[in-house]
PDB file of N, CA and C in Angstrom:
ATOM      1  N   MET A   1      60.686  70.243 101.206  1.00  0.00           N
ATOM      2  CA  MET A   1      59.842  71.040 100.222  1.00  0.00           C
ATOM      3  C   MET A   1      60.618  72.390  99.813  1.00  0.00           C
ATOM      4  N   THR A   2      60.691  72.530  98.306  1.00  0.00           N
ATOM      5  CA  THR A   2      61.425  73.727  98.290  1.00  0.00           C
ATOM      6  C   THR A   2      60.682  75.014  98.280  1.00  0.00           C
ATOM      7  N   THR A   3      61.469  76.196  98.403  1.00  0.00           N
ATOM      8  CA  THR A   3      60.939  77.524  98.662  1.00  0.00           C
ATOM      9  C   THR A   3      60.048  77.770  97.487  1.00  0.00           C
ATOM     10  N   GLY A   4      59.878  77.441  96.214  1.00  0.00           N
ATOM     11  CA  GLY A   4      59.310  77.391  95.264  1.00  0.00           C
ATOM     12  C   GLY A   4      57.823  76.695  95.529  1.00  0.00           C
ATOM     13  N   SER A   5      57.896  75.503  95.992  1.00  0.00           N
ATOM     14  CA  SER A   5      56.728  74.864  96.323  1.00  0.00           C
ATOM     15  C   SER A   5      55.961  75.397  97.734  1.00  0.00           C
ATOM     16  N   ARG A   6      56.650  75.949  98.268  1.00  0.00           N
ATOM     17  CA  ARG A   6      56.102  76.463  99.568  1.00  0.00           C
ATOM     18  C   ARG A   6      55.513  77.799  98.994  1.00  0.00           C
ATOM     19  N   ALA A   7      55.935  78.443  98.040  1.00  0.00           N
ATOM     20  CA  ALA A   7      55.493  79.885  97.460  1.00  0.00           C
ATOM     21  C   ALA A   7      54.119  79.481  96.759  1.00  0.00           C
ATOM     22  N   MET A   8      54.172  78.445  95.973  1.00  0.00           N
ATOM     23  CA  MET A   8      53.205  78.133  95.096  1.00  0.00           C
ATOM     24  C   MET A   8      52.058  77.453  96.098  1.00  0.00           C
ATOM     25  N   THR A   9      52.055  76.947  97.189  1.00  0.00           N
ATOM     26  CA  THR A   9      51.110  76.614  98.187  1.00  0.00           C
ATOM     27  C   THR A   9      50.457  77.623  98.492  1.00  0.00           C
ATOM     28  N   ARG A  10      51.289  78.753  99.077  1.00  0.00           N
ATOM     29  CA  ARG A  10      50.853  79.914  99.714  1.00  0.00           C
ATOM     30  C   ARG A  10      49.881  80.707  98.686  1.00  0.00           C
ATOM     31  N   LEU A  11      50.304  80.908  97.503  1.00  0.00           N
ATOM     32  CA  LEU A  11      49.454  81.499  96.278  1.00  0.00           C
ATOM     33  C   LEU A  11      48.349  80.611  95.963  1.00  0.00           C
ATOM     34  N   ALA A  12      48.422  79.348  96.085  1.00  0.00           N
ATOM     35  CA  ALA A  12      47.211  78.521  95.459  1.00  0.00           C
ATOM     36  C   ALA A  12      45.817  79.019  96.446  1.00  0.00           C
ATOM     37  N   ASP A  13      46.029  79.532  97.637  1.00  0.00           N
ATOM     38  CA  ASP A  13      44.995  79.909  98.449  1.00  0.00           C
ATOM     39  C   ASP A  13      44.201  81.266  97.943  1.00  0.00           C
ATOM     40  N   TRP A  14      45.064  82.118  97.139  1.00  0.00           N
ATOM     41  CA  TRP A  14      44.537  83.268  96.665  1.00  0.00           C
ATOM     42  C   TRP A  14      43.237  83.111  95.720  1.00  0.00           C
ATOM     43  N   PRO A  15      42.374  83.733  95.906  1.00  0.00           N
ATOM     44  CA  PRO A  15      40.780  83.549  95.181  1.00  0.00           C
ATOM     45  C   PRO A  15      40.992  84.060  93.679  1.00  0.00           C
ATOM     46  N   ASP A  16      41.968  85.195  93.229  1.00  0.00           N
ATOM     47  CA  ASP A  16      42.019  85.530  92.053  1.00  0.00           C
ATOM     48  C   ASP A  16      43.119  84.702  91.139  1.00  0.00           C
ATOM     49  N   LEU A  17      43.506  83.685  91.470  1.00  0.00           N
ATOM     50  CA  LEU A  17      44.424  82.954  90.872  1.00  0.00           C
ATOM     51  C   LEU A  17      44.058  81.357  90.437  1.00  0.00           C
ATOM     52  N   VAL A  18      44.327  80.981  89.713  1.00  0.00           N
ATOM     53  CA  VAL A  18      44.124  79.545  89.450  1.00  0.00           C
ATOM     54  C   VAL A  18      45.380  79.000  88.604  1.00  0.00           C
ATOM     55  N   GLU A  19      45.627  77.568  89.017  1.00  0.00           N
ATOM     56  CA  GLU A  19      46.798  76.913  88.705  1.00  0.00           C
ATOM     57  C   GLU A  19      46.433  76.677  86.893  1.00  0.00           C
ATOM     58  N   ALA A  20      47.419  76.956  85.961  1.00  0.00           N
ATOM     59  CA  ALA A  20      47.225  76.580  84.615  1.00  0.00           C
ATOM     60  C   ALA A  20      48.485  75.959  83.996  1.00  0.00           C
ATOM     61  N   ARG A  21      48.552  75.543  82.891  1.00  0.00           N
ATOM     62  CA  ARG A  21      49.635  75.197  82.129  1.00  0.00           C
ATOM     63  C   ARG A  21      50.441  76.425  81.483  1.00  0.00           C
ATOM     64  N   PRO A  22      51.776  76.601  82.005  1.00  0.00           N
ATOM     65  CA  PRO A  22      52.507  77.775  81.557  1.00  0.00           C
ATOM     66  C   PRO A  22      52.570  77.841  79.943  1.00  0.00           C
ATOM     67  N   SER A  23      52.476  79.059  79.332  1.00  0.00           N
ATOM     68  CA  SER A  23      52.253  79.280  77.752  1.00  0.00           C
ATOM     69  C   SER A  23      53.932  78.820  77.348  1.00  0.00           C
ATOM     70  N   CYS A  24      54.833  79.117  78.310  1.00  0.00           N
ATOM     71  CA  CYS A  24      56.214  78.497  77.802  1.00  0.00           C
ATOM     72  C   CYS A  24      56.538  76.967  77.807  1.00  0.00           C
ATOM     73  N   GLY A  25      55.407  76.267  78.348  1.00  0.00           N
ATOM     74  CA  GLY A  25      55.525  74.907  78.462  1.00  0.00           C
ATOM     75  C   GLY A  25      56.381  74.188  79.662  1.00  0.00           C
ATOM     76  N   THR A  26      57.135  75.172  80.507  1.00  0.00           N
ATOM     77  CA  THR A  26      57.915  74.260  81.334  1.00  0.00           C
ATOM     78  C   THR A  26      57.456  74.870  82.833  1.00  0.00           C
ATOM     79  N   GLY A  27      57.035  73.693  83.463  1.00  0.00           N
ATOM     80  CA  GLY A  27      56.796  74.152  84.936  1.00  0.00           C
ATOM     81  C   GLY A  27      55.560  73.950  85.500  1.00  0.00           C
ATOM     82  N   ARG A  28      55.170  75.160  86.236  1.00  0.00           N
ATOM     83  CA  ARG A  28      53.621  75.261  86.531  1.00  0.00           C
ATOM     84  C   ARG A  28      53.398  76.679  86.626  1.00  0.00           C
ATOM     85  N   ALA A  29      52.136  77.168  86.508  1.00  0.00           N
ATOM     86  CA  ALA A  29      51.580  78.685  86.230  1.00  0.00           C
ATOM     87  C   ALA A  29      50.543  78.963  87.059  1.00  0.00           C
ATOM     88  N   LEU A  30      50.184  80.041  87.391  1.00  0.00           N
ATOM     89  CA  LEU A  30      48.960  80.861  88.112  1.00  0.00           C
ATOM     90  C   LEU A  30      48.609  81.806  87.117  1.00  0.00           C
ATOM     91  N   ARG A  31      47.628  81.788  87.108  1.00  0.00           N
ATOM     92  CA  ARG A  31      46.704  83.050  86.276  1.00  0.00           C
ATOM     93  C   ARG A  31      45.626  83.588  86.826  1.00  0.00           C
ATOM     94  N   THR A  32      45.059  84.877  86.105  1.00  0.00           N
ATOM     95  CA  THR A  32      43.809  85.104  86.400  1.00  0.00           C
ATOM     96  C   THR A  32      43.183  85.202  85.220  1.00  0.00           C
ATOM     97  N   ASP A  33      41.931  85.831  85.352  1.00  0.00           N
ATOM     98  CA  ASP A  33      41.043  85.725  84.122  1.00  0.00           C
ATOM     99  C   ASP A  33      41.748  86.167  82.878  1.00  0.00           C
ATOM    100  N   GLY A  34      42.336  87.277  83.218  1.00  0.00           N
ATOM    101  CA  GLY A  34      42.893  88.031  81.981  1.00  0.00           C
ATOM    102  C   GLY A  34      44.357  87.681  81.399  1.00  0.00           C
ATOM    103  N   ALA A  35      45.129  87.083  82.490  1.00  0.00           N
ATOM    104  CA  ALA A  35      46.502  87.148  82.089  1.00  0.00           C
ATOM    105  C   ALA A  35      47.328  85.710  82.750  1.00  0.00           C
ATOM    106  N   GLU A  36      48.314  85.363  82.513  1.00  0.00           N
ATOM    107  CA  GLU A  36      49.441  84.539  83.216  1.00  0.00           C
ATOM    108  C   GLU A  36      50.035  85.608  84.220  1.00  0.00           C
ATOM    109  N   ILE A  37      50.312  85.162  85.290  1.00  0.00           N
ATOM    110  CA  ILE A  37      50.588  85.846  86.473  1.00  0.00           C
ATOM    111  C   ILE A  37      52.033  85.439  87.035  1.00  0.00           C
ATOM    112  N   ALA A  38      52.241  84.209  87.103  1.00  0.00           N
ATOM    113  CA  ALA A  38      53.458  83.528  87.645  1.00  0.00           C
ATOM    114  C   ALA A  38      53.834  82.284  86.969  1.00  0.00           C
ATOM    115  N   HIS A  39      54.937  82.004  86.710  1.00  0.00           N
ATOM    116  CA  HIS A  39      55.724  80.837  86.214  1.00  0.00           C
ATOM    117  C   HIS A  39      56.559  80.096  87.228  1.00  0.00           C
ATOM    118  N   PHE A  40      56.511  78.958  87.602  1.00  0.00           N
ATOM    119  CA  PHE A  40      57.292  78.374  88.420  1.00  0.00           C
ATOM    120  C   PHE A  40      58.243  77.398  87.604  1.00  0.00           C
ATOM    121  N   HIS A  41      59.526  77.682  87.320  1.00  0.00           N
ATOM    122  CA  HIS A  41      60.108  76.791  86.152  1.00  0.00           C
ATOM    123  C   HIS A  41      61.040  75.859  87.133  1.00  0.00           C
ATOM    124  N   SER A  42      61.322  75.955  88.244  1.00  0.00           N
ATOM    125  CA  SER A  42      62.282  75.393  89.287  1.00  0.00           C
ATOM    126  C   SER A  42      61.615  75.315  90.597  1.00  0.00           C
ATOM    127  N   GLY A  43      62.299  74.633  91.552  1.00  0.00           N
ATOM    128  CA  GLY A  43      62.039  74.640  92.906  1.00  0.00           C
ATOM    129  C   GLY A  43      62.328  76.060  93.693  1.00  0.00           C
ATOM    130  N   ARG A  44      63.340  76.656  92.854  1.00  0.00           N
ATOM    131  CA  ARG A  44      64.086  77.932  93.224  1.00  0.00           C
ATOM    132  C   ARG A  44      63.973  79.294  92.573  1.00  0.00           C
ATOM    133  N   MET A  45      62.926  79.182  91.314  1.00  0.00           N
ATOM    134  CA  MET A  45      62.973  80.192  90.609  1.00  0.00           C
ATOM    135  C   MET A  45      61.572  80.350  89.894  1.00  0.00           C
ATOM    136  N   ALA A  46      61.014  81.863  90.178  1.00  0.00           N
ATOM    137  CA  ALA A  46      59.744  82.137  89.517  1.00  0.00           C
ATOM    138  C   ALA A  46      59.840  83.457  88.591  1.00  0.00           C
ATOM    139  N   ASP A  47      58.972  83.524  87.649  1.00  0.00           N
ATOM    140  CA  ASP A  47      58.802  84.458  86.852  1.00  0.00           C
ATOM    141  C   ASP A  47      57.354  85.124  87.100  1.00  0.00           C
ATOM    142  N   VAL A  48      57.547  86.436  87.444  1.00  0.00           N
ATOM    143  CA  VAL A  48      56.305  87.056  87.419  1.00  0.00           C
ATOM    144  C   VAL A  48      55.919  87.945  86.457  1.00  0.00           C
ATOM    145  N   HIS A  49      54.869  88.364  86.042  1.00  0.00           N
ATOM    146  CA  HIS A  49      54.430  89.101  84.745  1.00  0.00           C
ATOM    147  C   HIS A  49      53.810  90.289  85.159  1.00  0.00           C
ATOM    148  N   LEU A  50      54.643  91.254  85.778  1.00  0.00           N
ATOM    149  CA  LEU A  50      54.199  92.704  86.255  1.00  0.00           C
ATOM    150  C   LEU A  50      53.764  93.410  85.215  1.00  0.00           C
ATOM    151  N   SER A  51      54.031  93.611  84.153  1.00  0.00           N
ATOM    152  CA  SER A  51      53.671  94.545  83.004  1.00  0.00           C
ATOM    153  C   SER A  51      54.905  95.457  82.573  1.00  0.00           C
ATOM    154  N   ALA A  52      55.127  95.849  81.738  1.00  0.00           N
ATOM    155  CA  ALA A  52      55.968  97.001  81.333  1.00  0.00           C
ATOM    156  C   ALA A  52      55.876  98.343  82.230  1.00  0.00           C
ATOM    157  N   ALA A  53      54.796  98.471  82.415  1.00  0.00           N
ATOM    158  CA  ALA A  53      54.382  99.831  83.145  1.00  0.00           C
ATOM    159  C   ALA A  53      54.691  99.705  84.609  1.00  0.00           C
ATOM    160  N   ALA A  54      54.373  98.545  85.162  1.00  0.00           N
ATOM    161  CA  ALA A  54      54.646  98.338  86.384  1.00  0.00           C
ATOM    162  C   ALA A  54      56.303  97.968  86.652  1.00  0.00           C
ATOM    163  N   ILE A  55      57.005  97.500  85.688  1.00  0.00           N
ATOM    164  CA  ILE A  55      58.633  97.549  85.963  1.00  0.00           C
ATOM    165  C   ILE A  55      59.206  98.952  86.241  1.00  0.00           C
ATOM    166  N   TRP A  56      58.723  99.672  84.848  1.00  0.00           N
ATOM    167  CA  TRP A  56      59.179 101.066  84.640  1.00  0.00           C
ATOM    168  C   TRP A  56      58.882 101.908  85.903  1.00  0.00           C
ATOM    169  N   ARG A  57      57.543 101.703  86.578  1.00  0.00           N
ATOM    170  CA  ARG A  57      57.240 102.649  87.839  1.00  0.00           C
ATOM    171  C   ARG A  57      58.156 102.080  89.113  1.00  0.00           C
ATOM    172  N   LEU A  58      58.564 100.691  89.144  1.00  0.00           N
ATOM    173  CA  LEU A  58      59.320 100.157  90.335  1.00  0.00           C
ATOM    174  C   LEU A  58      60.852  99.815  90.123  1.00  0.00           C
ATOM    175  N   ARG A  59      61.158 100.465  88.764  1.00  0.00           N
ATOM    176  CA  ARG A  59      62.610  99.949  88.637  1.00  0.00           C
ATOM    177  C   ARG A  59      63.634 100.198  89.332  1.00  0.00           C
ATOM    178  N   GLY A  60      63.526 101.392  90.196  1.00  0.00           N
ATOM    179  CA  GLY A  60      64.684 101.574  91.284  1.00  0.00           C
ATOM    180  C   GLY A  60      64.635 100.586  92.287  1.00  0.00           C
ATOM    181  N   ASP A  61      63.760 100.314  92.689  1.00  0.00           N
ATOM    182  CA  ASP A  61      63.437  99.237  93.734  1.00  0.00           C
ATOM    183  C   ASP A  61      63.860  97.793  93.273  1.00  0.00           C
ATOM    184  N   LEU A  62      63.418  97.434  92.081  1.00  0.00           N
ATOM    185  CA  LEU A  62      63.645  96.147  91.404  1.00  0.00           C
ATOM    186  C   LEU A  62      65.049  95.880  91.181  1.00  0.00           C
ATOM    187  N   LYS A  63      65.722  97.016  90.603  1.00  0.00           N
ATOM    188  CA  LYS A  63      67.216  96.761  90.248  1.00  0.00           C
ATOM    189  C   LYS A  63      67.961  96.788  91.620  1.00  0.00           C
ATOM    190  N   ASN A  64      67.632  97.198  92.719  1.00  0.00           N
ATOM    191  CA  ASN A  64      68.356  97.101  93.833  1.00  0.00           C
ATOM    192  C   ASN A  64      68.433  95.882  94.725  1.00  0.00           C
ATOM    193  N   SER A  65      67.542  95.004  94.292  1.00  0.00           N
ATOM    194  CA  SER A  65      67.116  93.522  94.917  1.00  0.00           C
ATOM    195  C   SER A  65      68.106  92.597  94.313  1.00  0.00           C
ATOM    196  N   THR A  66      68.573  91.993  95.303  1.00  0.00           N
ATOM    197  CA  THR A  66      69.696  90.912  94.898  1.00  0.00           C
ATOM    198  C   THR A  66      68.707  89.513  94.526  1.00  0.00           C
ATOM    199  N   ALA A  67      67.750  89.414  94.876  1.00  0.00           N
ATOM    200  CA  ALA A  67      66.698  88.314  94.476  1.00  0.00           C
ATOM    201  C   ALA A  67      66.203  88.379  93.215  1.00  0.00           C
ATOM    202  N   LEU A  68      66.221  89.669  92.657  1.00  0.00           N
ATOM    203  CA  LEU A  68      65.269  89.857  91.241  1.00  0.00           C
ATOM    204  C   LEU A  68      66.386  89.852  90.007  1.00  0.00           C
ATOM    205  N   ARG A  69      65.974  89.303  88.916  1.00  0.00           N
ATOM    206  CA  ARG A  69      66.530  89.636  87.813  1.00  0.00           C
ATOM    207  C   ARG A  69      65.649  90.117  86.509  1.00  0.00           C
ATOM    208  N   LEU A  70      66.083  91.078  85.834  1.00  0.00           N
ATOM    209  CA  LEU A  70      65.362  91.614  84.993  1.00  0.00           C
ATOM    210  C   LEU A  70      65.862  91.572  83.648  1.00  0.00           C
ATOM    211  N   VAL A  71      65.053  91.516  82.553  1.00  0.00           N
ATOM    212  CA  VAL A  71      65.504  91.146  81.231  1.00  0.00           C
ATOM    213  C   VAL A  71      65.177  92.454  80.455  1.00  0.00           C
ATOM    214  N   PRO A  72      65.908  93.115  79.676  1.00  0.00           N
ATOM    215  CA  PRO A  72      65.418  94.404  78.987  1.00  0.00           C
ATOM    216  C   PRO A  72      64.456  93.997  78.106  1.00  0.00           C
ATOM    217  N   GLY A  73      63.171  94.745  78.035  1.00  0.00           N
ATOM    218  CA  GLY A  73      62.368  94.448  77.009  1.00  0.00           C
ATOM    219  C   GLY A  73      61.101  93.488  77.546  1.00  0.00           C
ATOM    220  N   SER A  74      61.472  92.778  78.722  1.00  0.00           N
ATOM    221  CA  SER A  74      60.568  91.719  78.930  1.00  0.00           C
ATOM    222  C   SER A  74      59.603  92.225  80.204  1.00  0.00           C
ATOM    223  N   ALA A  75      58.318  91.959  80.327  1.00  0.00           N
ATOM    224  CA  ALA A  75      57.222  92.391  80.873  1.00  0.00           C
ATOM    225  C   ALA A  75      57.418  91.432  82.326  1.00  0.00           C
ATOM    226  N   TRP A  76      58.413  90.760  82.594  1.00  0.00           N
ATOM    227  CA  TRP A  76      58.481  89.465  83.571  1.00  0.00           C
ATOM    228  C   TRP A  76      59.454  90.036  84.509  1.00  0.00           C
ATOM    229  N   VAL A  77      59.520  89.656  85.445  1.00  0.00           N
ATOM    230  CA  VAL A  77      60.626  89.920  86.552  1.00  0.00           C
ATOM    231  C   VAL A  77      60.979  88.198  87.124  1.00  0.00           C
ATOM    232  N   THR A  78      62.228  87.918  87.086  1.00  0.00           N
ATOM    233  CA  THR A  78      62.515  86.608  87.652  1.00  0.00           C
ATOM    234  C   THR A  78      63.011  86.742  89.157  1.00  0.00           C
ATOM    235  N   VAL A  79      62.441  85.868  90.001  1.00  0.00           N
ATOM    236  CA  VAL A  79      62.745  85.972  91.474  1.00  0.00           C
ATOM    237  C   VAL A  79      63.624  84.811  91.893  1.00  0.00           C
ATOM    238  N   ARG A  80      64.467  84.792  92.587  1.00  0.00           N
ATOM    239  CA  ARG A  80      65.171  83.735  92.748  1.00  0.00           C
ATOM    240  C   ARG A  80      64.613  83.439  94.498  1.00  0.00           C
ATOM    241  N   LEU A  81      64.305  82.205  94.598  1.00  0.00           N
ATOM    242  CA  LEU A  81      63.587  81.861  95.832  1.00  0.00           C
ATOM    243  C   LEU A  81      64.675  81.109  96.774  1.00  0.00           C
ATOM    244  N   GLU A  82      65.442  81.887  97.566  1.00  0.00           N
ATOM    245  CA  GLU A  82      66.330  81.235  98.592  1.00  0.00           C
ATOM    246  C   GLU A  82      65.953  80.874 100.060  1.00  0.00           C
ATOM    247  N   CYS A  83      65.097  81.862 100.177  1.00  0.00           N
ATOM    248  CA  CYS A  83      64.723  81.907 101.911  1.00  0.00           C
ATOM    249  C   CYS A  83      63.186  82.424 101.776  1.00  0.00           C
ATOM    250  N   GLU A  84      62.563  82.573 103.003  1.00  0.00           N
ATOM    251  CA  GLU A  84      61.275  82.917 103.366  1.00  0.00           C
ATOM    252  C   GLU A  84      61.168  84.635 103.063  1.00  0.00           C
ATOM    253  N   SER A  85      62.032  85.477 103.061  1.00  0.00           N
ATOM    254  CA  SER A  85      61.936  86.920 102.585  1.00  0.00           C
ATOM    255  C   SER A  85      61.795  86.947 100.912  1.00  0.00           C
ATOM    256  N   ASP A  86      62.377  85.811 100.383  1.00  0.00           N
ATOM    257  CA  ASP A  86      62.153  85.942  98.936  1.00  0.00           C
ATOM    258  C   ASP A  86      60.832  85.623  98.550  1.00  0.00           C
ATOM    259  N   ILE A  87      60.230  84.650  99.497  1.00  0.00           N
ATOM    260  CA  ILE A  87      58.700  84.190  99.267  1.00  0.00           C
ATOM    261  C   ILE A  87      57.862  85.320  99.485  1.00  0.00           C
ATOM    262  N   ASP A  88      58.215  86.230 100.497  1.00  0.00           N
ATOM    263  CA  ASP A  88      57.379  87.089 100.816  1.00  0.00           C
ATOM    264  C   ASP A  88      57.532  88.481  99.654  1.00  0.00           C
ATOM    265  N   LEU A  89      58.785  88.551  98.880  1.00  0.00           N
ATOM    266  CA  LEU A  89      58.715  89.338  97.869  1.00  0.00           C
ATOM    267  C   LEU A  89      58.123  88.809  96.686  1.00  0.00           C
ATOM    268  N   LEU A  90      58.070  87.379  96.534  1.00  0.00           N
ATOM    269  CA  LEU A  90      57.400  87.224  95.586  1.00  0.00           C
ATOM    270  C   LEU A  90      55.754  87.309  95.513  1.00  0.00           C
ATOM    271  N   LEU A  91      55.294  87.168  96.919  1.00  0.00           N
ATOM    272  CA  LEU A  91      53.856  87.318  96.848  1.00  0.00           C
ATOM    273  C   LEU A  91      53.591  89.064  96.745  1.00  0.00           C
ATOM    274  N   THR A  92      54.346  89.601  97.021  1.00  0.00           N
ATOM    275  CA  THR A  92      54.311  91.117  96.957  1.00  0.00           C
ATOM    276  C   THR A  92      53.964  91.566  95.547  1.00  0.00           C
ATOM    277  N   LEU A  93      55.169  90.764  94.674  1.00  0.00           N
ATOM    278  CA  LEU A  93      55.124  91.104  93.322  1.00  0.00           C
ATOM    279  C   LEU A  93      53.786  90.565  92.582  1.00  0.00           C
ATOM    280  N   VAL A  94      53.429  89.276  93.121  1.00  0.00           N
ATOM    281  CA  VAL A  94      52.160  88.900  92.318  1.00  0.00           C
ATOM    282  C   VAL A  94      51.138  89.687  92.629  1.00  0.00           C
ATOM    283  N   SER A  95      51.111  90.329  93.812  1.00  0.00           N
ATOM    284  CA  SER A  95      50.053  91.129  93.875  1.00  0.00           C
ATOM    285  C   SER A  95      50.031  92.645  93.073  1.00  0.00           C
ATOM    286  N   VAL A  96      51.108  93.126  92.798  1.00  0.00           N
ATOM    287  CA  VAL A  96      51.490  94.070  92.170  1.00  0.00           C
ATOM    288  C   VAL A  96      51.096  93.542  90.721  1.00  0.00           C
ATOM    289  N   ALA A  97      51.464  92.374  90.167  1.00  0.00           N
ATOM    290  CA  ALA A  97      51.089  91.849  88.877  1.00  0.00           C
ATOM    291  C   ALA A  97      49.358  91.926  88.708  1.00  0.00           C
ATOM    292  N   LEU A  98      48.838  91.479  89.742  1.00  0.00           N
ATOM    293  CA  LEU A  98      47.143  90.987  89.869  1.00  0.00           C
ATOM    294  C   LEU A  98      46.700  92.473  89.583  1.00  0.00           C
ATOM    295  N   LYS A  99      47.040  93.613  90.201  1.00  0.00           N
ATOM    296  CA  LYS A  99      46.897  94.722  89.953  1.00  0.00           C
ATOM    297  C   LYS A  99      46.893  95.556  88.730  1.00  0.00           C
ATOM    298  N   ALA A 100      47.904  95.146  88.080  1.00  0.00           N
ATOM    299  CA  ALA A 100      48.671  95.426  86.819  1.00  0.00           C
ATOM    300  C   ALA A 100      47.591  95.048  85.812  1.00  0.00           C
ATOM    301  N   HIS A 101      47.257  93.822  86.009  1.00  0.00           N
ATOM    302  CA  HIS A 101      46.578  93.104  84.880  1.00  0.00           C
ATOM    303  C   HIS A 101      44.878  93.430  85.244  1.00  0.00           C
ATOM    304  N   GLN A 102      44.597  93.928  86.067  1.00  0.00           N
ATOM    305  CA  GLN A 102      43.186  94.000  86.540  1.00  0.00           C
ATOM    306  C   GLN A 102      42.468  94.644  85.562  1.00  0.00           C
ATOM    307  N   GLY A 103      42.619  95.525  84.806  1.00  0.00           N
ATOM    308  CA  GLY A 103      41.736  95.796  83.519  1.00  0.00           C
ATOM    309  C   GLY A 103      41.959  95.074  82.537  1.00  0.00           C
ATOM    310  N   SER A 104      42.578  93.799  82.560  1.00  0.00           N
ATOM    311  CA  SER A 104      42.544  92.942  81.387  1.00  0.00           C
ATOM    312  C   SER A 104      41.048  92.474  80.929  1.00  0.00           C
ATOM    313  N   PRO A 105      40.453  92.287  79.839  1.00  0.00           N
ATOM    314  CA  PRO A 105      39.204  91.768  79.449  1.00  0.00           C
ATOM    315  C   PRO A 105      39.232  90.160  79.949  1.00  0.00           C
ATOM    316  N   THR A 106      37.897  89.962  80.419  1.00  0.00           N
ATOM    317  CA  THR A 106      37.625  88.636  80.918  1.00  0.00           C
ATOM    318  C   THR A 106      37.229  87.918  79.355  1.00  0.00           C
ATOM    319  N   GLY A 107      36.948  86.708  79.667  1.00  0.00           N
ATOM    320  CA  GLY A 107      36.764  85.910  78.375  1.00  0.00           C
ATOM    321  C   GLY A 107      37.891  85.290  77.840  1.00  0.00           C
ATOM    322  N   ALA A 108      38.151  85.356  76.619  1.00  0.00           N
ATOM    323  CA  ALA A 108      39.297  84.964  76.005  1.00  0.00           C
ATOM    324  C   ALA A 108      40.817  85.456  76.738  1.00  0.00           C
ATOM    325  N   PRO A 109      41.648  84.707  76.937  1.00  0.00           N
ATOM    326  CA  PRO A 109      42.781  85.128  77.627  1.00  0.00           C
ATOM    327  C   PRO A 109      43.745  85.832  76.600  1.00  0.00           C
ATOM    328  N   ALA A 110      44.347  86.960  77.226  1.00  0.00           N
ATOM    329  CA  ALA A 110      45.107  87.762  76.542  1.00  0.00           C
ATOM    330  C   ALA A 110      46.474  86.922  75.979  1.00  0.00           C
ATOM    331  N   PRO A 111      46.939  87.371  74.929  1.00  0.00           N
ATOM    332  CA  PRO A 111      48.028  86.705  74.255  1.00  0.00           C
ATOM    333  C   PRO A 111      49.124  86.442  75.422  1.00  0.00           C
ATOM    334  N   ALA A 112      49.805  85.441  75.376  1.00  0.00           N
ATOM    335  CA  ALA A 112      50.986  85.488  76.594  1.00  0.00           C
ATOM    336  C   ALA A 112      52.037  86.115  76.142  1.00  0.00           C
ATOM    337  N   ALA A 113      52.684  87.099  76.917  1.00  0.00           N
ATOM    338  CA  ALA A 113      54.024  87.743  76.703  1.00  0.00           C
ATOM    339  C   ALA A 113      55.044  86.436  77.182  1.00  0.00           C
ATOM    340  N   ARG A 114      56.069  86.493  76.433  1.00  0.00           N
ATOM    341  CA  ARG A 114      56.962  85.698  76.897  1.00  0.00           C
ATOM    342  C   ARG A 114      57.798  85.855  77.904  1.00  0.00           C
ATOM    343  N   CYS A 115      58.067  84.654  78.880  1.00  0.00           N
ATOM    344  CA  CYS A 115      58.259  84.629  80.064  1.00  0.00           C
ATOM    345  C   CYS A 115      59.913  84.709  79.967  1.00  0.00           C
ATOM    346  N   ASN A 116      60.763  85.024  81.163  1.00  0.00           N
ATOM    347  CA  ASN A 116      62.156  84.846  81.057  1.00  0.00           C
ATOM    348  C   ASN A 116      62.637  83.592  80.895  1.00  0.00           C
ATOM    349  N   ASP A 117      61.967  82.458  81.086  1.00  0.00           N
ATOM    350  CA  ASP A 117      62.778  81.185  81.035  1.00  0.00           C
ATOM    351  C   ASP A 117      63.594  80.904  79.628  1.00  0.00           C
ATOM    352  N   HIS A 118      64.719  80.746  79.673  1.00  0.00           N
ATOM    353  CA  HIS A 118      65.570  80.535  78.622  1.00  0.00           C
ATOM    354  C   HIS A 118      66.008  81.768  78.071  1.00  0.00           C
ATOM    355  N   ARG A 119      65.859  82.834  78.493  1.00  0.00           N
ATOM    356  CA  ARG A 119      66.294  84.149  78.163  1.00  0.00           C
ATOM    357  C   ARG A 119      67.573  84.510  78.742  1.00  0.00           C
ATOM    358  N   GLY A 120      68.565  85.394  78.431  1.00  0.00           N
ATOM    359  CA  GLY A 120      69.547  85.637  78.936  1.00  0.00           C
ATOM    360  C   GLY A 120      69.243  86.914  80.100  1.00  0.00           C
ATOM    361  N   PHE A 121      70.040  86.645  81.203  1.00  0.00           N
ATOM    362  CA  PHE A 121      69.551  87.734  82.270  1.00  0.00           C
ATOM    363  C   PHE A 121      70.636  88.869  82.194  1.00  0.00           C
ATOM    364  N   ALA A 122      69.834  90.170  82.765  1.00  0.00           N
ATOM    365  CA  ALA A 122      70.647  91.317  82.672  1.00  0.00           C
ATOM    366  C   ALA A 122      69.854  92.138  83.844  1.00  0.00           C
ATOM    367  N   VAL A 123      70.307  93.111  84.531  1.00  0.00           N
ATOM    368  CA  VAL A 123      69.811  94.096  85.285  1.00  0.00           C
ATOM    369  C   VAL A 123      69.488  95.603  84.723  1.00  0.00           C
ATOM    370  N   ALA A 124      70.219  95.837  83.944  1.00  0.00           N
ATOM    371  CA  ALA A 124      70.229  97.232  83.400  1.00  0.00           C
ATOM    372  C   ALA A 124      68.738  97.076  82.505  1.00  0.00           C
ATOM    373  N   ILE A 125      67.799  98.296  83.123  1.00  0.00           N
ATOM    374  CA  ILE A 125      66.635  98.507  82.285  1.00  0.00           C
ATOM    375  C   ILE A 125      66.593  99.743  81.688  1.00  0.00           C
TER     376      ILE A 125
END
């Protein structure tokens, strides 16, 4: 079982998340009522939809992590899942993402922001 599969299994038990088809069309996704929260594009890579405000608030810590990749202008953070501590980091970021999207209206889903799949990577924000 890959680290991505183990992370997806752990997140599947969270009451605020449901599995869905990712808006980018690749892999598997988890969403809450108002937004897509995470995309699993491979067995060792996941994108988390933090929001621009959350990335700005946490930017110092995010930039210092070797497991994370940031794309300028993106509200998503890519997590490389190589070990158990990366899964723990992903779960923490999913929790932050849920909080960031908590005010999203229920009913019709919010327009999906483009995840980092197939985007170039950079760490400067």
